Amino acid sequence: MSDYRINTTRIVCIAQFVAKEGKRELLVEALASLIPDTRRELGCIRYELNVSLEDDRKVAFVEKFTDKATFDEHCAKDDIQHYFHNVMPELVESHHVEVFNEVIA
């Protein structure tokens, strides 16, 4: 059995989106536009966008922030709120966002 600990400070978020039919490219473009500013945010460790190998309509962000406060600040930013309230309804069929603590092994 390996030694591990759960880092209860760091936040890892997996945000998955399924694009509406024919909207995948627009979705990826919209999400990719969030990357540069987010990567410059204080507390952002990782912010990467991925497309599923099994279903090209599925895209997912893997995000890591130093703590919940910086993650919450990120979520409250105008461009993130604009995406969720204005852009996502036009492009996304379904989504699932889940937040985790990092396991260090």
N, C-alpha and C. Protein backbone atom coordinates (compact mmCIF):
# COMPACT_ATOMS: atom_id res chain seq x y z
N MET A 1 0.84 -1.18 0.00
CA MET A 1 0.00 0.00 0.00
C MET A 1 0.88 1.24 0.00
N SER A 2 0.55 2.17 -0.86
CA SER A 2 1.38 3.38 -0.96
C SER A 2 0.92 4.43 0.05
N ASP A 3 1.85 5.28 0.38
CA ASP A 3 1.54 6.39 1.27
C ASP A 3 0.90 7.50 0.45
N TYR A 4 -0.08 8.14 1.02
CA TYR A 4 -0.70 9.27 0.35
C TYR A 4 -1.26 10.20 1.40
N ARG A 5 -1.56 11.41 0.94
CA ARG A 5 -2.30 12.34 1.78
C ARG A 5 -3.23 13.13 0.87
N ILE A 6 -4.30 13.60 1.44
CA ILE A 6 -5.23 14.42 0.70
C ILE A 6 -4.94 15.87 1.01
N ASN A 7 -4.62 16.63 -0.02
CA ASN A 7 -4.35 18.05 0.13
C ASN A 7 -5.70 18.75 0.18
N THR A 8 -6.11 19.13 1.35
CA THR A 8 -7.44 19.73 1.53
C THR A 8 -7.45 21.22 1.17
N THR A 9 -6.30 21.74 0.74
CA THR A 9 -6.22 23.14 0.33
C THR A 9 -6.41 23.28 -1.17
N ARG A 10 -5.67 22.51 -1.95
CA ARG A 10 -5.74 22.61 -3.42
C ARG A 10 -7.09 22.15 -3.94
N ILE A 11 -7.54 22.84 -4.98
CA ILE A 11 -8.83 22.53 -5.61
C ILE A 11 -8.57 22.07 -7.04
N VAL A 12 -9.15 20.94 -7.39
CA VAL A 12 -9.11 20.44 -8.76
C VAL A 12 -10.55 20.39 -9.25
N CYS A 13 -10.78 21.00 -10.39
CA CYS A 13 -12.12 21.03 -10.97
C CYS A 13 -12.09 20.34 -12.32
N ILE A 14 -13.05 19.45 -12.54
CA ILE A 14 -13.25 18.83 -13.84
C ILE A 14 -14.60 19.36 -14.34
N ALA A 15 -14.54 20.13 -15.41
CA ALA A 15 -15.75 20.73 -15.98
C ALA A 15 -15.96 20.13 -17.37
N GLN A 16 -17.01 19.30 -17.50
CA GLN A 16 -17.27 18.61 -18.76
C GLN A 16 -18.49 19.21 -19.45
N PHE A 17 -18.39 19.34 -20.77
CA PHE A 17 -19.46 19.90 -21.57
C PHE A 17 -19.70 19.03 -22.79
N VAL A 18 -20.96 18.82 -23.15
CA VAL A 18 -21.31 18.13 -24.39
C VAL A 18 -21.91 19.18 -25.31
N ALA A 19 -21.25 19.38 -26.44
CA ALA A 19 -21.70 20.40 -27.40
C ALA A 19 -23.00 19.96 -28.07
N LYS A 20 -23.83 20.94 -28.36
CA LYS A 20 -25.00 20.67 -29.17
C LYS A 20 -24.52 20.22 -30.55
N GLU A 21 -25.34 19.46 -31.25
CA GLU A 21 -24.99 18.97 -32.58
C GLU A 21 -24.54 20.14 -33.46
N GLY A 22 -23.35 19.97 -34.07
CA GLY A 22 -22.81 20.98 -34.97
C GLY A 22 -22.20 22.19 -34.29
N LYS A 23 -22.09 22.19 -32.97
CA LYS A 23 -21.60 23.37 -32.23
C LYS A 23 -20.24 23.14 -31.56
N ARG A 24 -19.62 21.99 -31.79
CA ARG A 24 -18.38 21.68 -31.09
C ARG A 24 -17.29 22.72 -31.34
N GLU A 25 -17.08 23.11 -32.58
CA GLU A 25 -16.01 24.06 -32.88
C GLU A 25 -16.26 25.40 -32.19
N LEU A 26 -17.50 25.85 -32.20
CA LEU A 26 -17.83 27.10 -31.53
C LEU A 26 -17.63 26.99 -30.02
N LEU A 27 -17.97 25.83 -29.46
CA LEU A 27 -17.77 25.61 -28.03
C LEU A 27 -16.28 25.63 -27.68
N VAL A 28 -15.48 24.90 -28.44
CA VAL A 28 -14.04 24.87 -28.17
C VAL A 28 -13.46 26.28 -28.30
N GLU A 29 -13.89 27.01 -29.31
CA GLU A 29 -13.41 28.38 -29.49
C GLU A 29 -13.78 29.26 -28.29
N ALA A 30 -15.02 29.14 -27.83
CA ALA A 30 -15.46 29.94 -26.68
C ALA A 30 -14.68 29.58 -25.42
N LEU A 31 -14.49 28.29 -25.19
CA LEU A 31 -13.76 27.86 -23.99
C LEU A 31 -12.28 28.21 -24.09
N ALA A 32 -11.70 28.03 -25.26
CA ALA A 32 -10.27 28.34 -25.43
C ALA A 32 -10.01 29.83 -25.19
N SER A 33 -10.99 30.67 -25.47
CA SER A 33 -10.80 32.10 -25.26
C SER A 33 -10.64 32.45 -23.78
N LEU A 34 -11.07 31.54 -22.89
CA LEU A 34 -10.95 31.77 -21.44
C LEU A 34 -9.56 31.43 -20.91
N ILE A 35 -8.79 30.68 -21.68
CA ILE A 35 -7.52 30.14 -21.18
C ILE A 35 -6.48 31.21 -20.86
N PRO A 36 -6.14 32.12 -21.77
CA PRO A 36 -5.02 33.04 -21.47
C PRO A 36 -5.20 33.85 -20.18
N ASP A 37 -6.35 34.47 -20.00
CA ASP A 37 -6.57 35.28 -18.79
C ASP A 37 -6.60 34.42 -17.54
N THR A 38 -7.22 33.25 -17.64
CA THR A 38 -7.30 32.38 -16.46
C THR A 38 -5.92 31.91 -16.03
N ARG A 39 -5.08 31.56 -16.99
CA ARG A 39 -3.72 31.11 -16.63
C ARG A 39 -2.91 32.20 -15.95
N ARG A 40 -3.28 33.46 -16.14
CA ARG A 40 -2.58 34.57 -15.47
C ARG A 40 -3.16 34.88 -14.09
N GLU A 41 -4.27 34.26 -13.74
CA GLU A 41 -4.88 34.53 -12.44
C GLU A 41 -3.99 34.04 -11.31
N LEU A 42 -3.95 34.84 -10.25
CA LEU A 42 -3.25 34.44 -9.05
C LEU A 42 -3.89 33.16 -8.52
N GLY A 43 -3.10 32.15 -8.28
CA GLY A 43 -3.62 30.90 -7.73
C GLY A 43 -3.94 29.83 -8.75
N CYS A 44 -3.89 30.16 -10.03
CA CYS A 44 -4.15 29.15 -11.06
C CYS A 44 -2.88 28.34 -11.29
N ILE A 45 -2.98 27.03 -11.10
CA ILE A 45 -1.85 26.13 -11.30
C ILE A 45 -1.96 25.44 -12.65
N ARG A 46 -3.18 25.07 -13.01
CA ARG A 46 -3.41 24.31 -14.25
C ARG A 46 -4.77 24.70 -14.80
N TYR A 47 -4.83 24.89 -16.12
CA TYR A 47 -6.09 25.22 -16.77
C TYR A 47 -5.98 24.76 -18.21
N GLU A 48 -6.45 23.55 -18.46
CA GLU A 48 -6.29 22.98 -19.80
C GLU A 48 -7.61 22.46 -20.33
N LEU A 49 -7.77 22.62 -21.62
CA LEU A 49 -8.98 22.18 -22.31
C LEU A 49 -8.66 20.94 -23.12
N ASN A 50 -9.58 19.97 -23.07
CA ASN A 50 -9.38 18.68 -23.73
C ASN A 50 -10.63 18.28 -24.50
N VAL A 51 -10.42 17.52 -25.59
CA VAL A 51 -11.52 16.97 -26.38
C VAL A 51 -11.47 15.46 -26.23
N SER A 52 -12.62 14.84 -26.00
CA SER A 52 -12.71 13.39 -25.80
C SER A 52 -12.27 12.61 -27.03
N LEU A 53 -11.56 11.53 -26.81
CA LEU A 53 -11.20 10.61 -27.89
C LEU A 53 -12.40 9.76 -28.32
N GLU A 54 -13.34 9.57 -27.41
CA GLU A 54 -14.48 8.69 -27.68
C GLU A 54 -15.68 9.41 -28.28
N ASP A 55 -15.84 10.69 -27.99
CA ASP A 55 -16.98 11.46 -28.47
C ASP A 55 -16.53 12.89 -28.69
N ASP A 56 -16.34 13.28 -29.94
CA ASP A 56 -15.75 14.60 -30.19
C ASP A 56 -16.67 15.76 -29.85
N ARG A 57 -17.88 15.48 -29.39
CA ARG A 57 -18.76 16.55 -28.89
C ARG A 57 -18.46 16.86 -27.43
N LYS A 58 -17.70 15.99 -26.77
CA LYS A 58 -17.38 16.19 -25.34
C LYS A 58 -16.05 16.91 -25.20
N VAL A 59 -16.08 17.97 -24.41
CA VAL A 59 -14.86 18.70 -24.07
C VAL A 59 -14.82 18.87 -22.55
N ALA A 60 -13.60 18.99 -22.03
CA ALA A 60 -13.47 19.09 -20.58
C ALA A 60 -12.30 19.98 -20.21
N PHE A 61 -12.52 20.81 -19.22
CA PHE A 61 -11.44 21.55 -18.58
C PHE A 61 -10.95 20.72 -17.40
N VAL A 62 -9.63 20.68 -17.23
CA VAL A 62 -9.01 20.19 -16.01
C VAL A 62 -8.35 21.42 -15.41
N GLU A 63 -8.80 21.77 -14.22
CA GLU A 63 -8.35 23.00 -13.58
C GLU A 63 -7.77 22.69 -12.21
N LYS A 64 -6.74 23.42 -11.84
CA LYS A 64 -6.19 23.29 -10.49
C LYS A 64 -5.86 24.67 -9.97
N PHE A 65 -6.33 24.94 -8.76
CA PHE A 65 -6.10 26.22 -8.09
C PHE A 65 -5.50 25.97 -6.72
N THR A 66 -4.76 26.96 -6.23
CA THR A 66 -4.05 26.80 -4.96
C THR A 66 -4.99 26.59 -3.78
N ASP A 67 -6.18 27.19 -3.85
CA ASP A 67 -7.12 27.05 -2.73
C ASP A 67 -8.53 27.42 -3.19
N LYS A 68 -9.50 27.20 -2.32
CA LYS A 68 -10.90 27.44 -2.66
C LYS A 68 -11.17 28.92 -2.91
N ALA A 69 -10.51 29.79 -2.19
CA ALA A 69 -10.75 31.23 -2.38
C ALA A 69 -10.35 31.67 -3.79
N THR A 70 -9.20 31.22 -4.28
CA THR A 70 -8.80 31.61 -5.63
C THR A 70 -9.68 30.94 -6.67
N PHE A 71 -10.13 29.72 -6.41
CA PHE A 71 -11.07 29.07 -7.33
C PHE A 71 -12.40 29.83 -7.37
N ASP A 72 -12.89 30.21 -6.20
CA ASP A 72 -14.15 30.97 -6.14
C ASP A 72 -14.01 32.32 -6.85
N GLU A 73 -12.86 32.97 -6.70
CA GLU A 73 -12.62 34.23 -7.41
C GLU A 73 -12.65 34.01 -8.92
N HIS A 74 -12.03 32.92 -9.36
CA HIS A 74 -12.06 32.57 -10.79
C HIS A 74 -13.50 32.40 -11.27
N CYS A 75 -14.29 31.64 -10.54
CA CYS A 75 -15.67 31.37 -10.93
C CYS A 75 -16.52 32.63 -10.98
N ALA A 76 -16.18 33.61 -10.17
CA ALA A 76 -16.95 34.86 -10.10
C ALA A 76 -16.55 35.88 -11.16
N LYS A 77 -15.47 35.63 -11.87
CA LYS A 77 -15.00 36.59 -12.88
C LYS A 77 -16.06 36.80 -13.95
N ASP A 78 -16.08 38.01 -14.47
CA ASP A 78 -17.09 38.38 -15.47
C ASP A 78 -17.09 37.46 -16.69
N ASP A 79 -15.89 37.12 -17.21
CA ASP A 79 -15.86 36.29 -18.41
C ASP A 79 -16.36 34.88 -18.16
N ILE A 80 -16.13 34.35 -16.97
CA ILE A 80 -16.63 33.01 -16.63
C ILE A 80 -18.14 33.06 -16.45
N GLN A 81 -18.63 34.06 -15.75
CA GLN A 81 -20.08 34.22 -15.58
C GLN A 81 -20.77 34.43 -16.93
N HIS A 82 -20.16 35.23 -17.79
CA HIS A 82 -20.72 35.46 -19.12
C HIS A 82 -20.82 34.13 -19.89
N TYR A 83 -19.77 33.32 -19.81
CA TYR A 83 -19.80 32.02 -20.49
C TYR A 83 -20.99 31.19 -19.99
N PHE A 84 -21.10 31.02 -18.68
CA PHE A 84 -22.13 30.14 -18.12
C PHE A 84 -23.55 30.66 -18.37
N HIS A 85 -23.73 31.97 -18.35
CA HIS A 85 -25.08 32.53 -18.47
C HIS A 85 -25.49 32.88 -19.89
N ASN A 86 -24.52 33.21 -20.75
CA ASN A 86 -24.87 33.69 -22.08
C ASN A 86 -24.41 32.79 -23.22
N VAL A 87 -23.22 32.24 -23.13
CA VAL A 87 -22.65 31.45 -24.21
C VAL A 87 -23.07 29.99 -24.11
N MET A 88 -22.91 29.41 -22.94
CA MET A 88 -23.18 27.99 -22.75
C MET A 88 -24.59 27.57 -23.19
N PRO A 89 -25.64 28.31 -22.86
CA PRO A 89 -26.98 27.87 -23.27
C PRO A 89 -27.13 27.70 -24.79
N GLU A 90 -26.37 28.44 -25.56
CA GLU A 90 -26.46 28.35 -27.02
C GLU A 90 -25.66 27.18 -27.59
N LEU A 91 -24.63 26.74 -26.88
CA LEU A 91 -23.69 25.77 -27.44
C LEU A 91 -23.68 24.41 -26.76
N VAL A 92 -24.21 24.32 -25.55
CA VAL A 92 -24.03 23.11 -24.74
C VAL A 92 -25.34 22.37 -24.53
N GLU A 93 -25.29 21.07 -24.84
CA GLU A 93 -26.44 20.19 -24.62
C GLU A 93 -26.55 19.80 -23.15
N SER A 94 -25.40 19.47 -22.54
CA SER A 94 -25.37 19.10 -21.12
C SER A 94 -23.98 19.40 -20.57
N HIS A 95 -23.91 19.50 -19.25
CA HIS A 95 -22.62 19.73 -18.61
C HIS A 95 -22.61 19.14 -17.21
N HIS A 96 -21.39 18.93 -16.72
CA HIS A 96 -21.20 18.43 -15.37
C HIS A 96 -19.90 19.04 -14.84
N VAL A 97 -19.99 19.70 -13.70
CA VAL A 97 -18.82 20.31 -13.07
C VAL A 97 -18.68 19.68 -11.69
N GLU A 98 -17.48 19.18 -11.41
CA GLU A 98 -17.23 18.56 -10.11
C GLU A 98 -15.90 19.05 -9.58
N VAL A 99 -15.85 19.30 -8.27
CA VAL A 99 -14.68 19.86 -7.62
C VAL A 99 -14.11 18.82 -6.65
N PHE A 100 -12.80 18.69 -6.65
CA PHE A 100 -12.11 17.67 -5.86
C PHE A 100 -10.98 18.30 -5.05
N ASN A 101 -10.51 17.55 -4.05
CA ASN A 101 -9.24 17.83 -3.42
C ASN A 101 -8.21 16.89 -4.03
N GLU A 102 -6.99 17.37 -4.14
CA GLU A 102 -5.90 16.60 -4.76
C GLU A 102 -5.39 15.54 -3.79
N VAL A 103 -5.14 14.33 -4.33
CA VAL A 103 -4.49 13.28 -3.56
C VAL A 103 -3.02 13.28 -3.96
N ILE A 104 -2.16 13.38 -2.96
CA ILE A 104 -0.71 13.39 -3.21
C ILE A 104 -0.16 12.03 -2.77
N ALA A 105 0.40 11.32 -3.73
CA ALA A 105 0.94 9.97 -3.45
C ALA A 105 2.43 9.95 -3.67
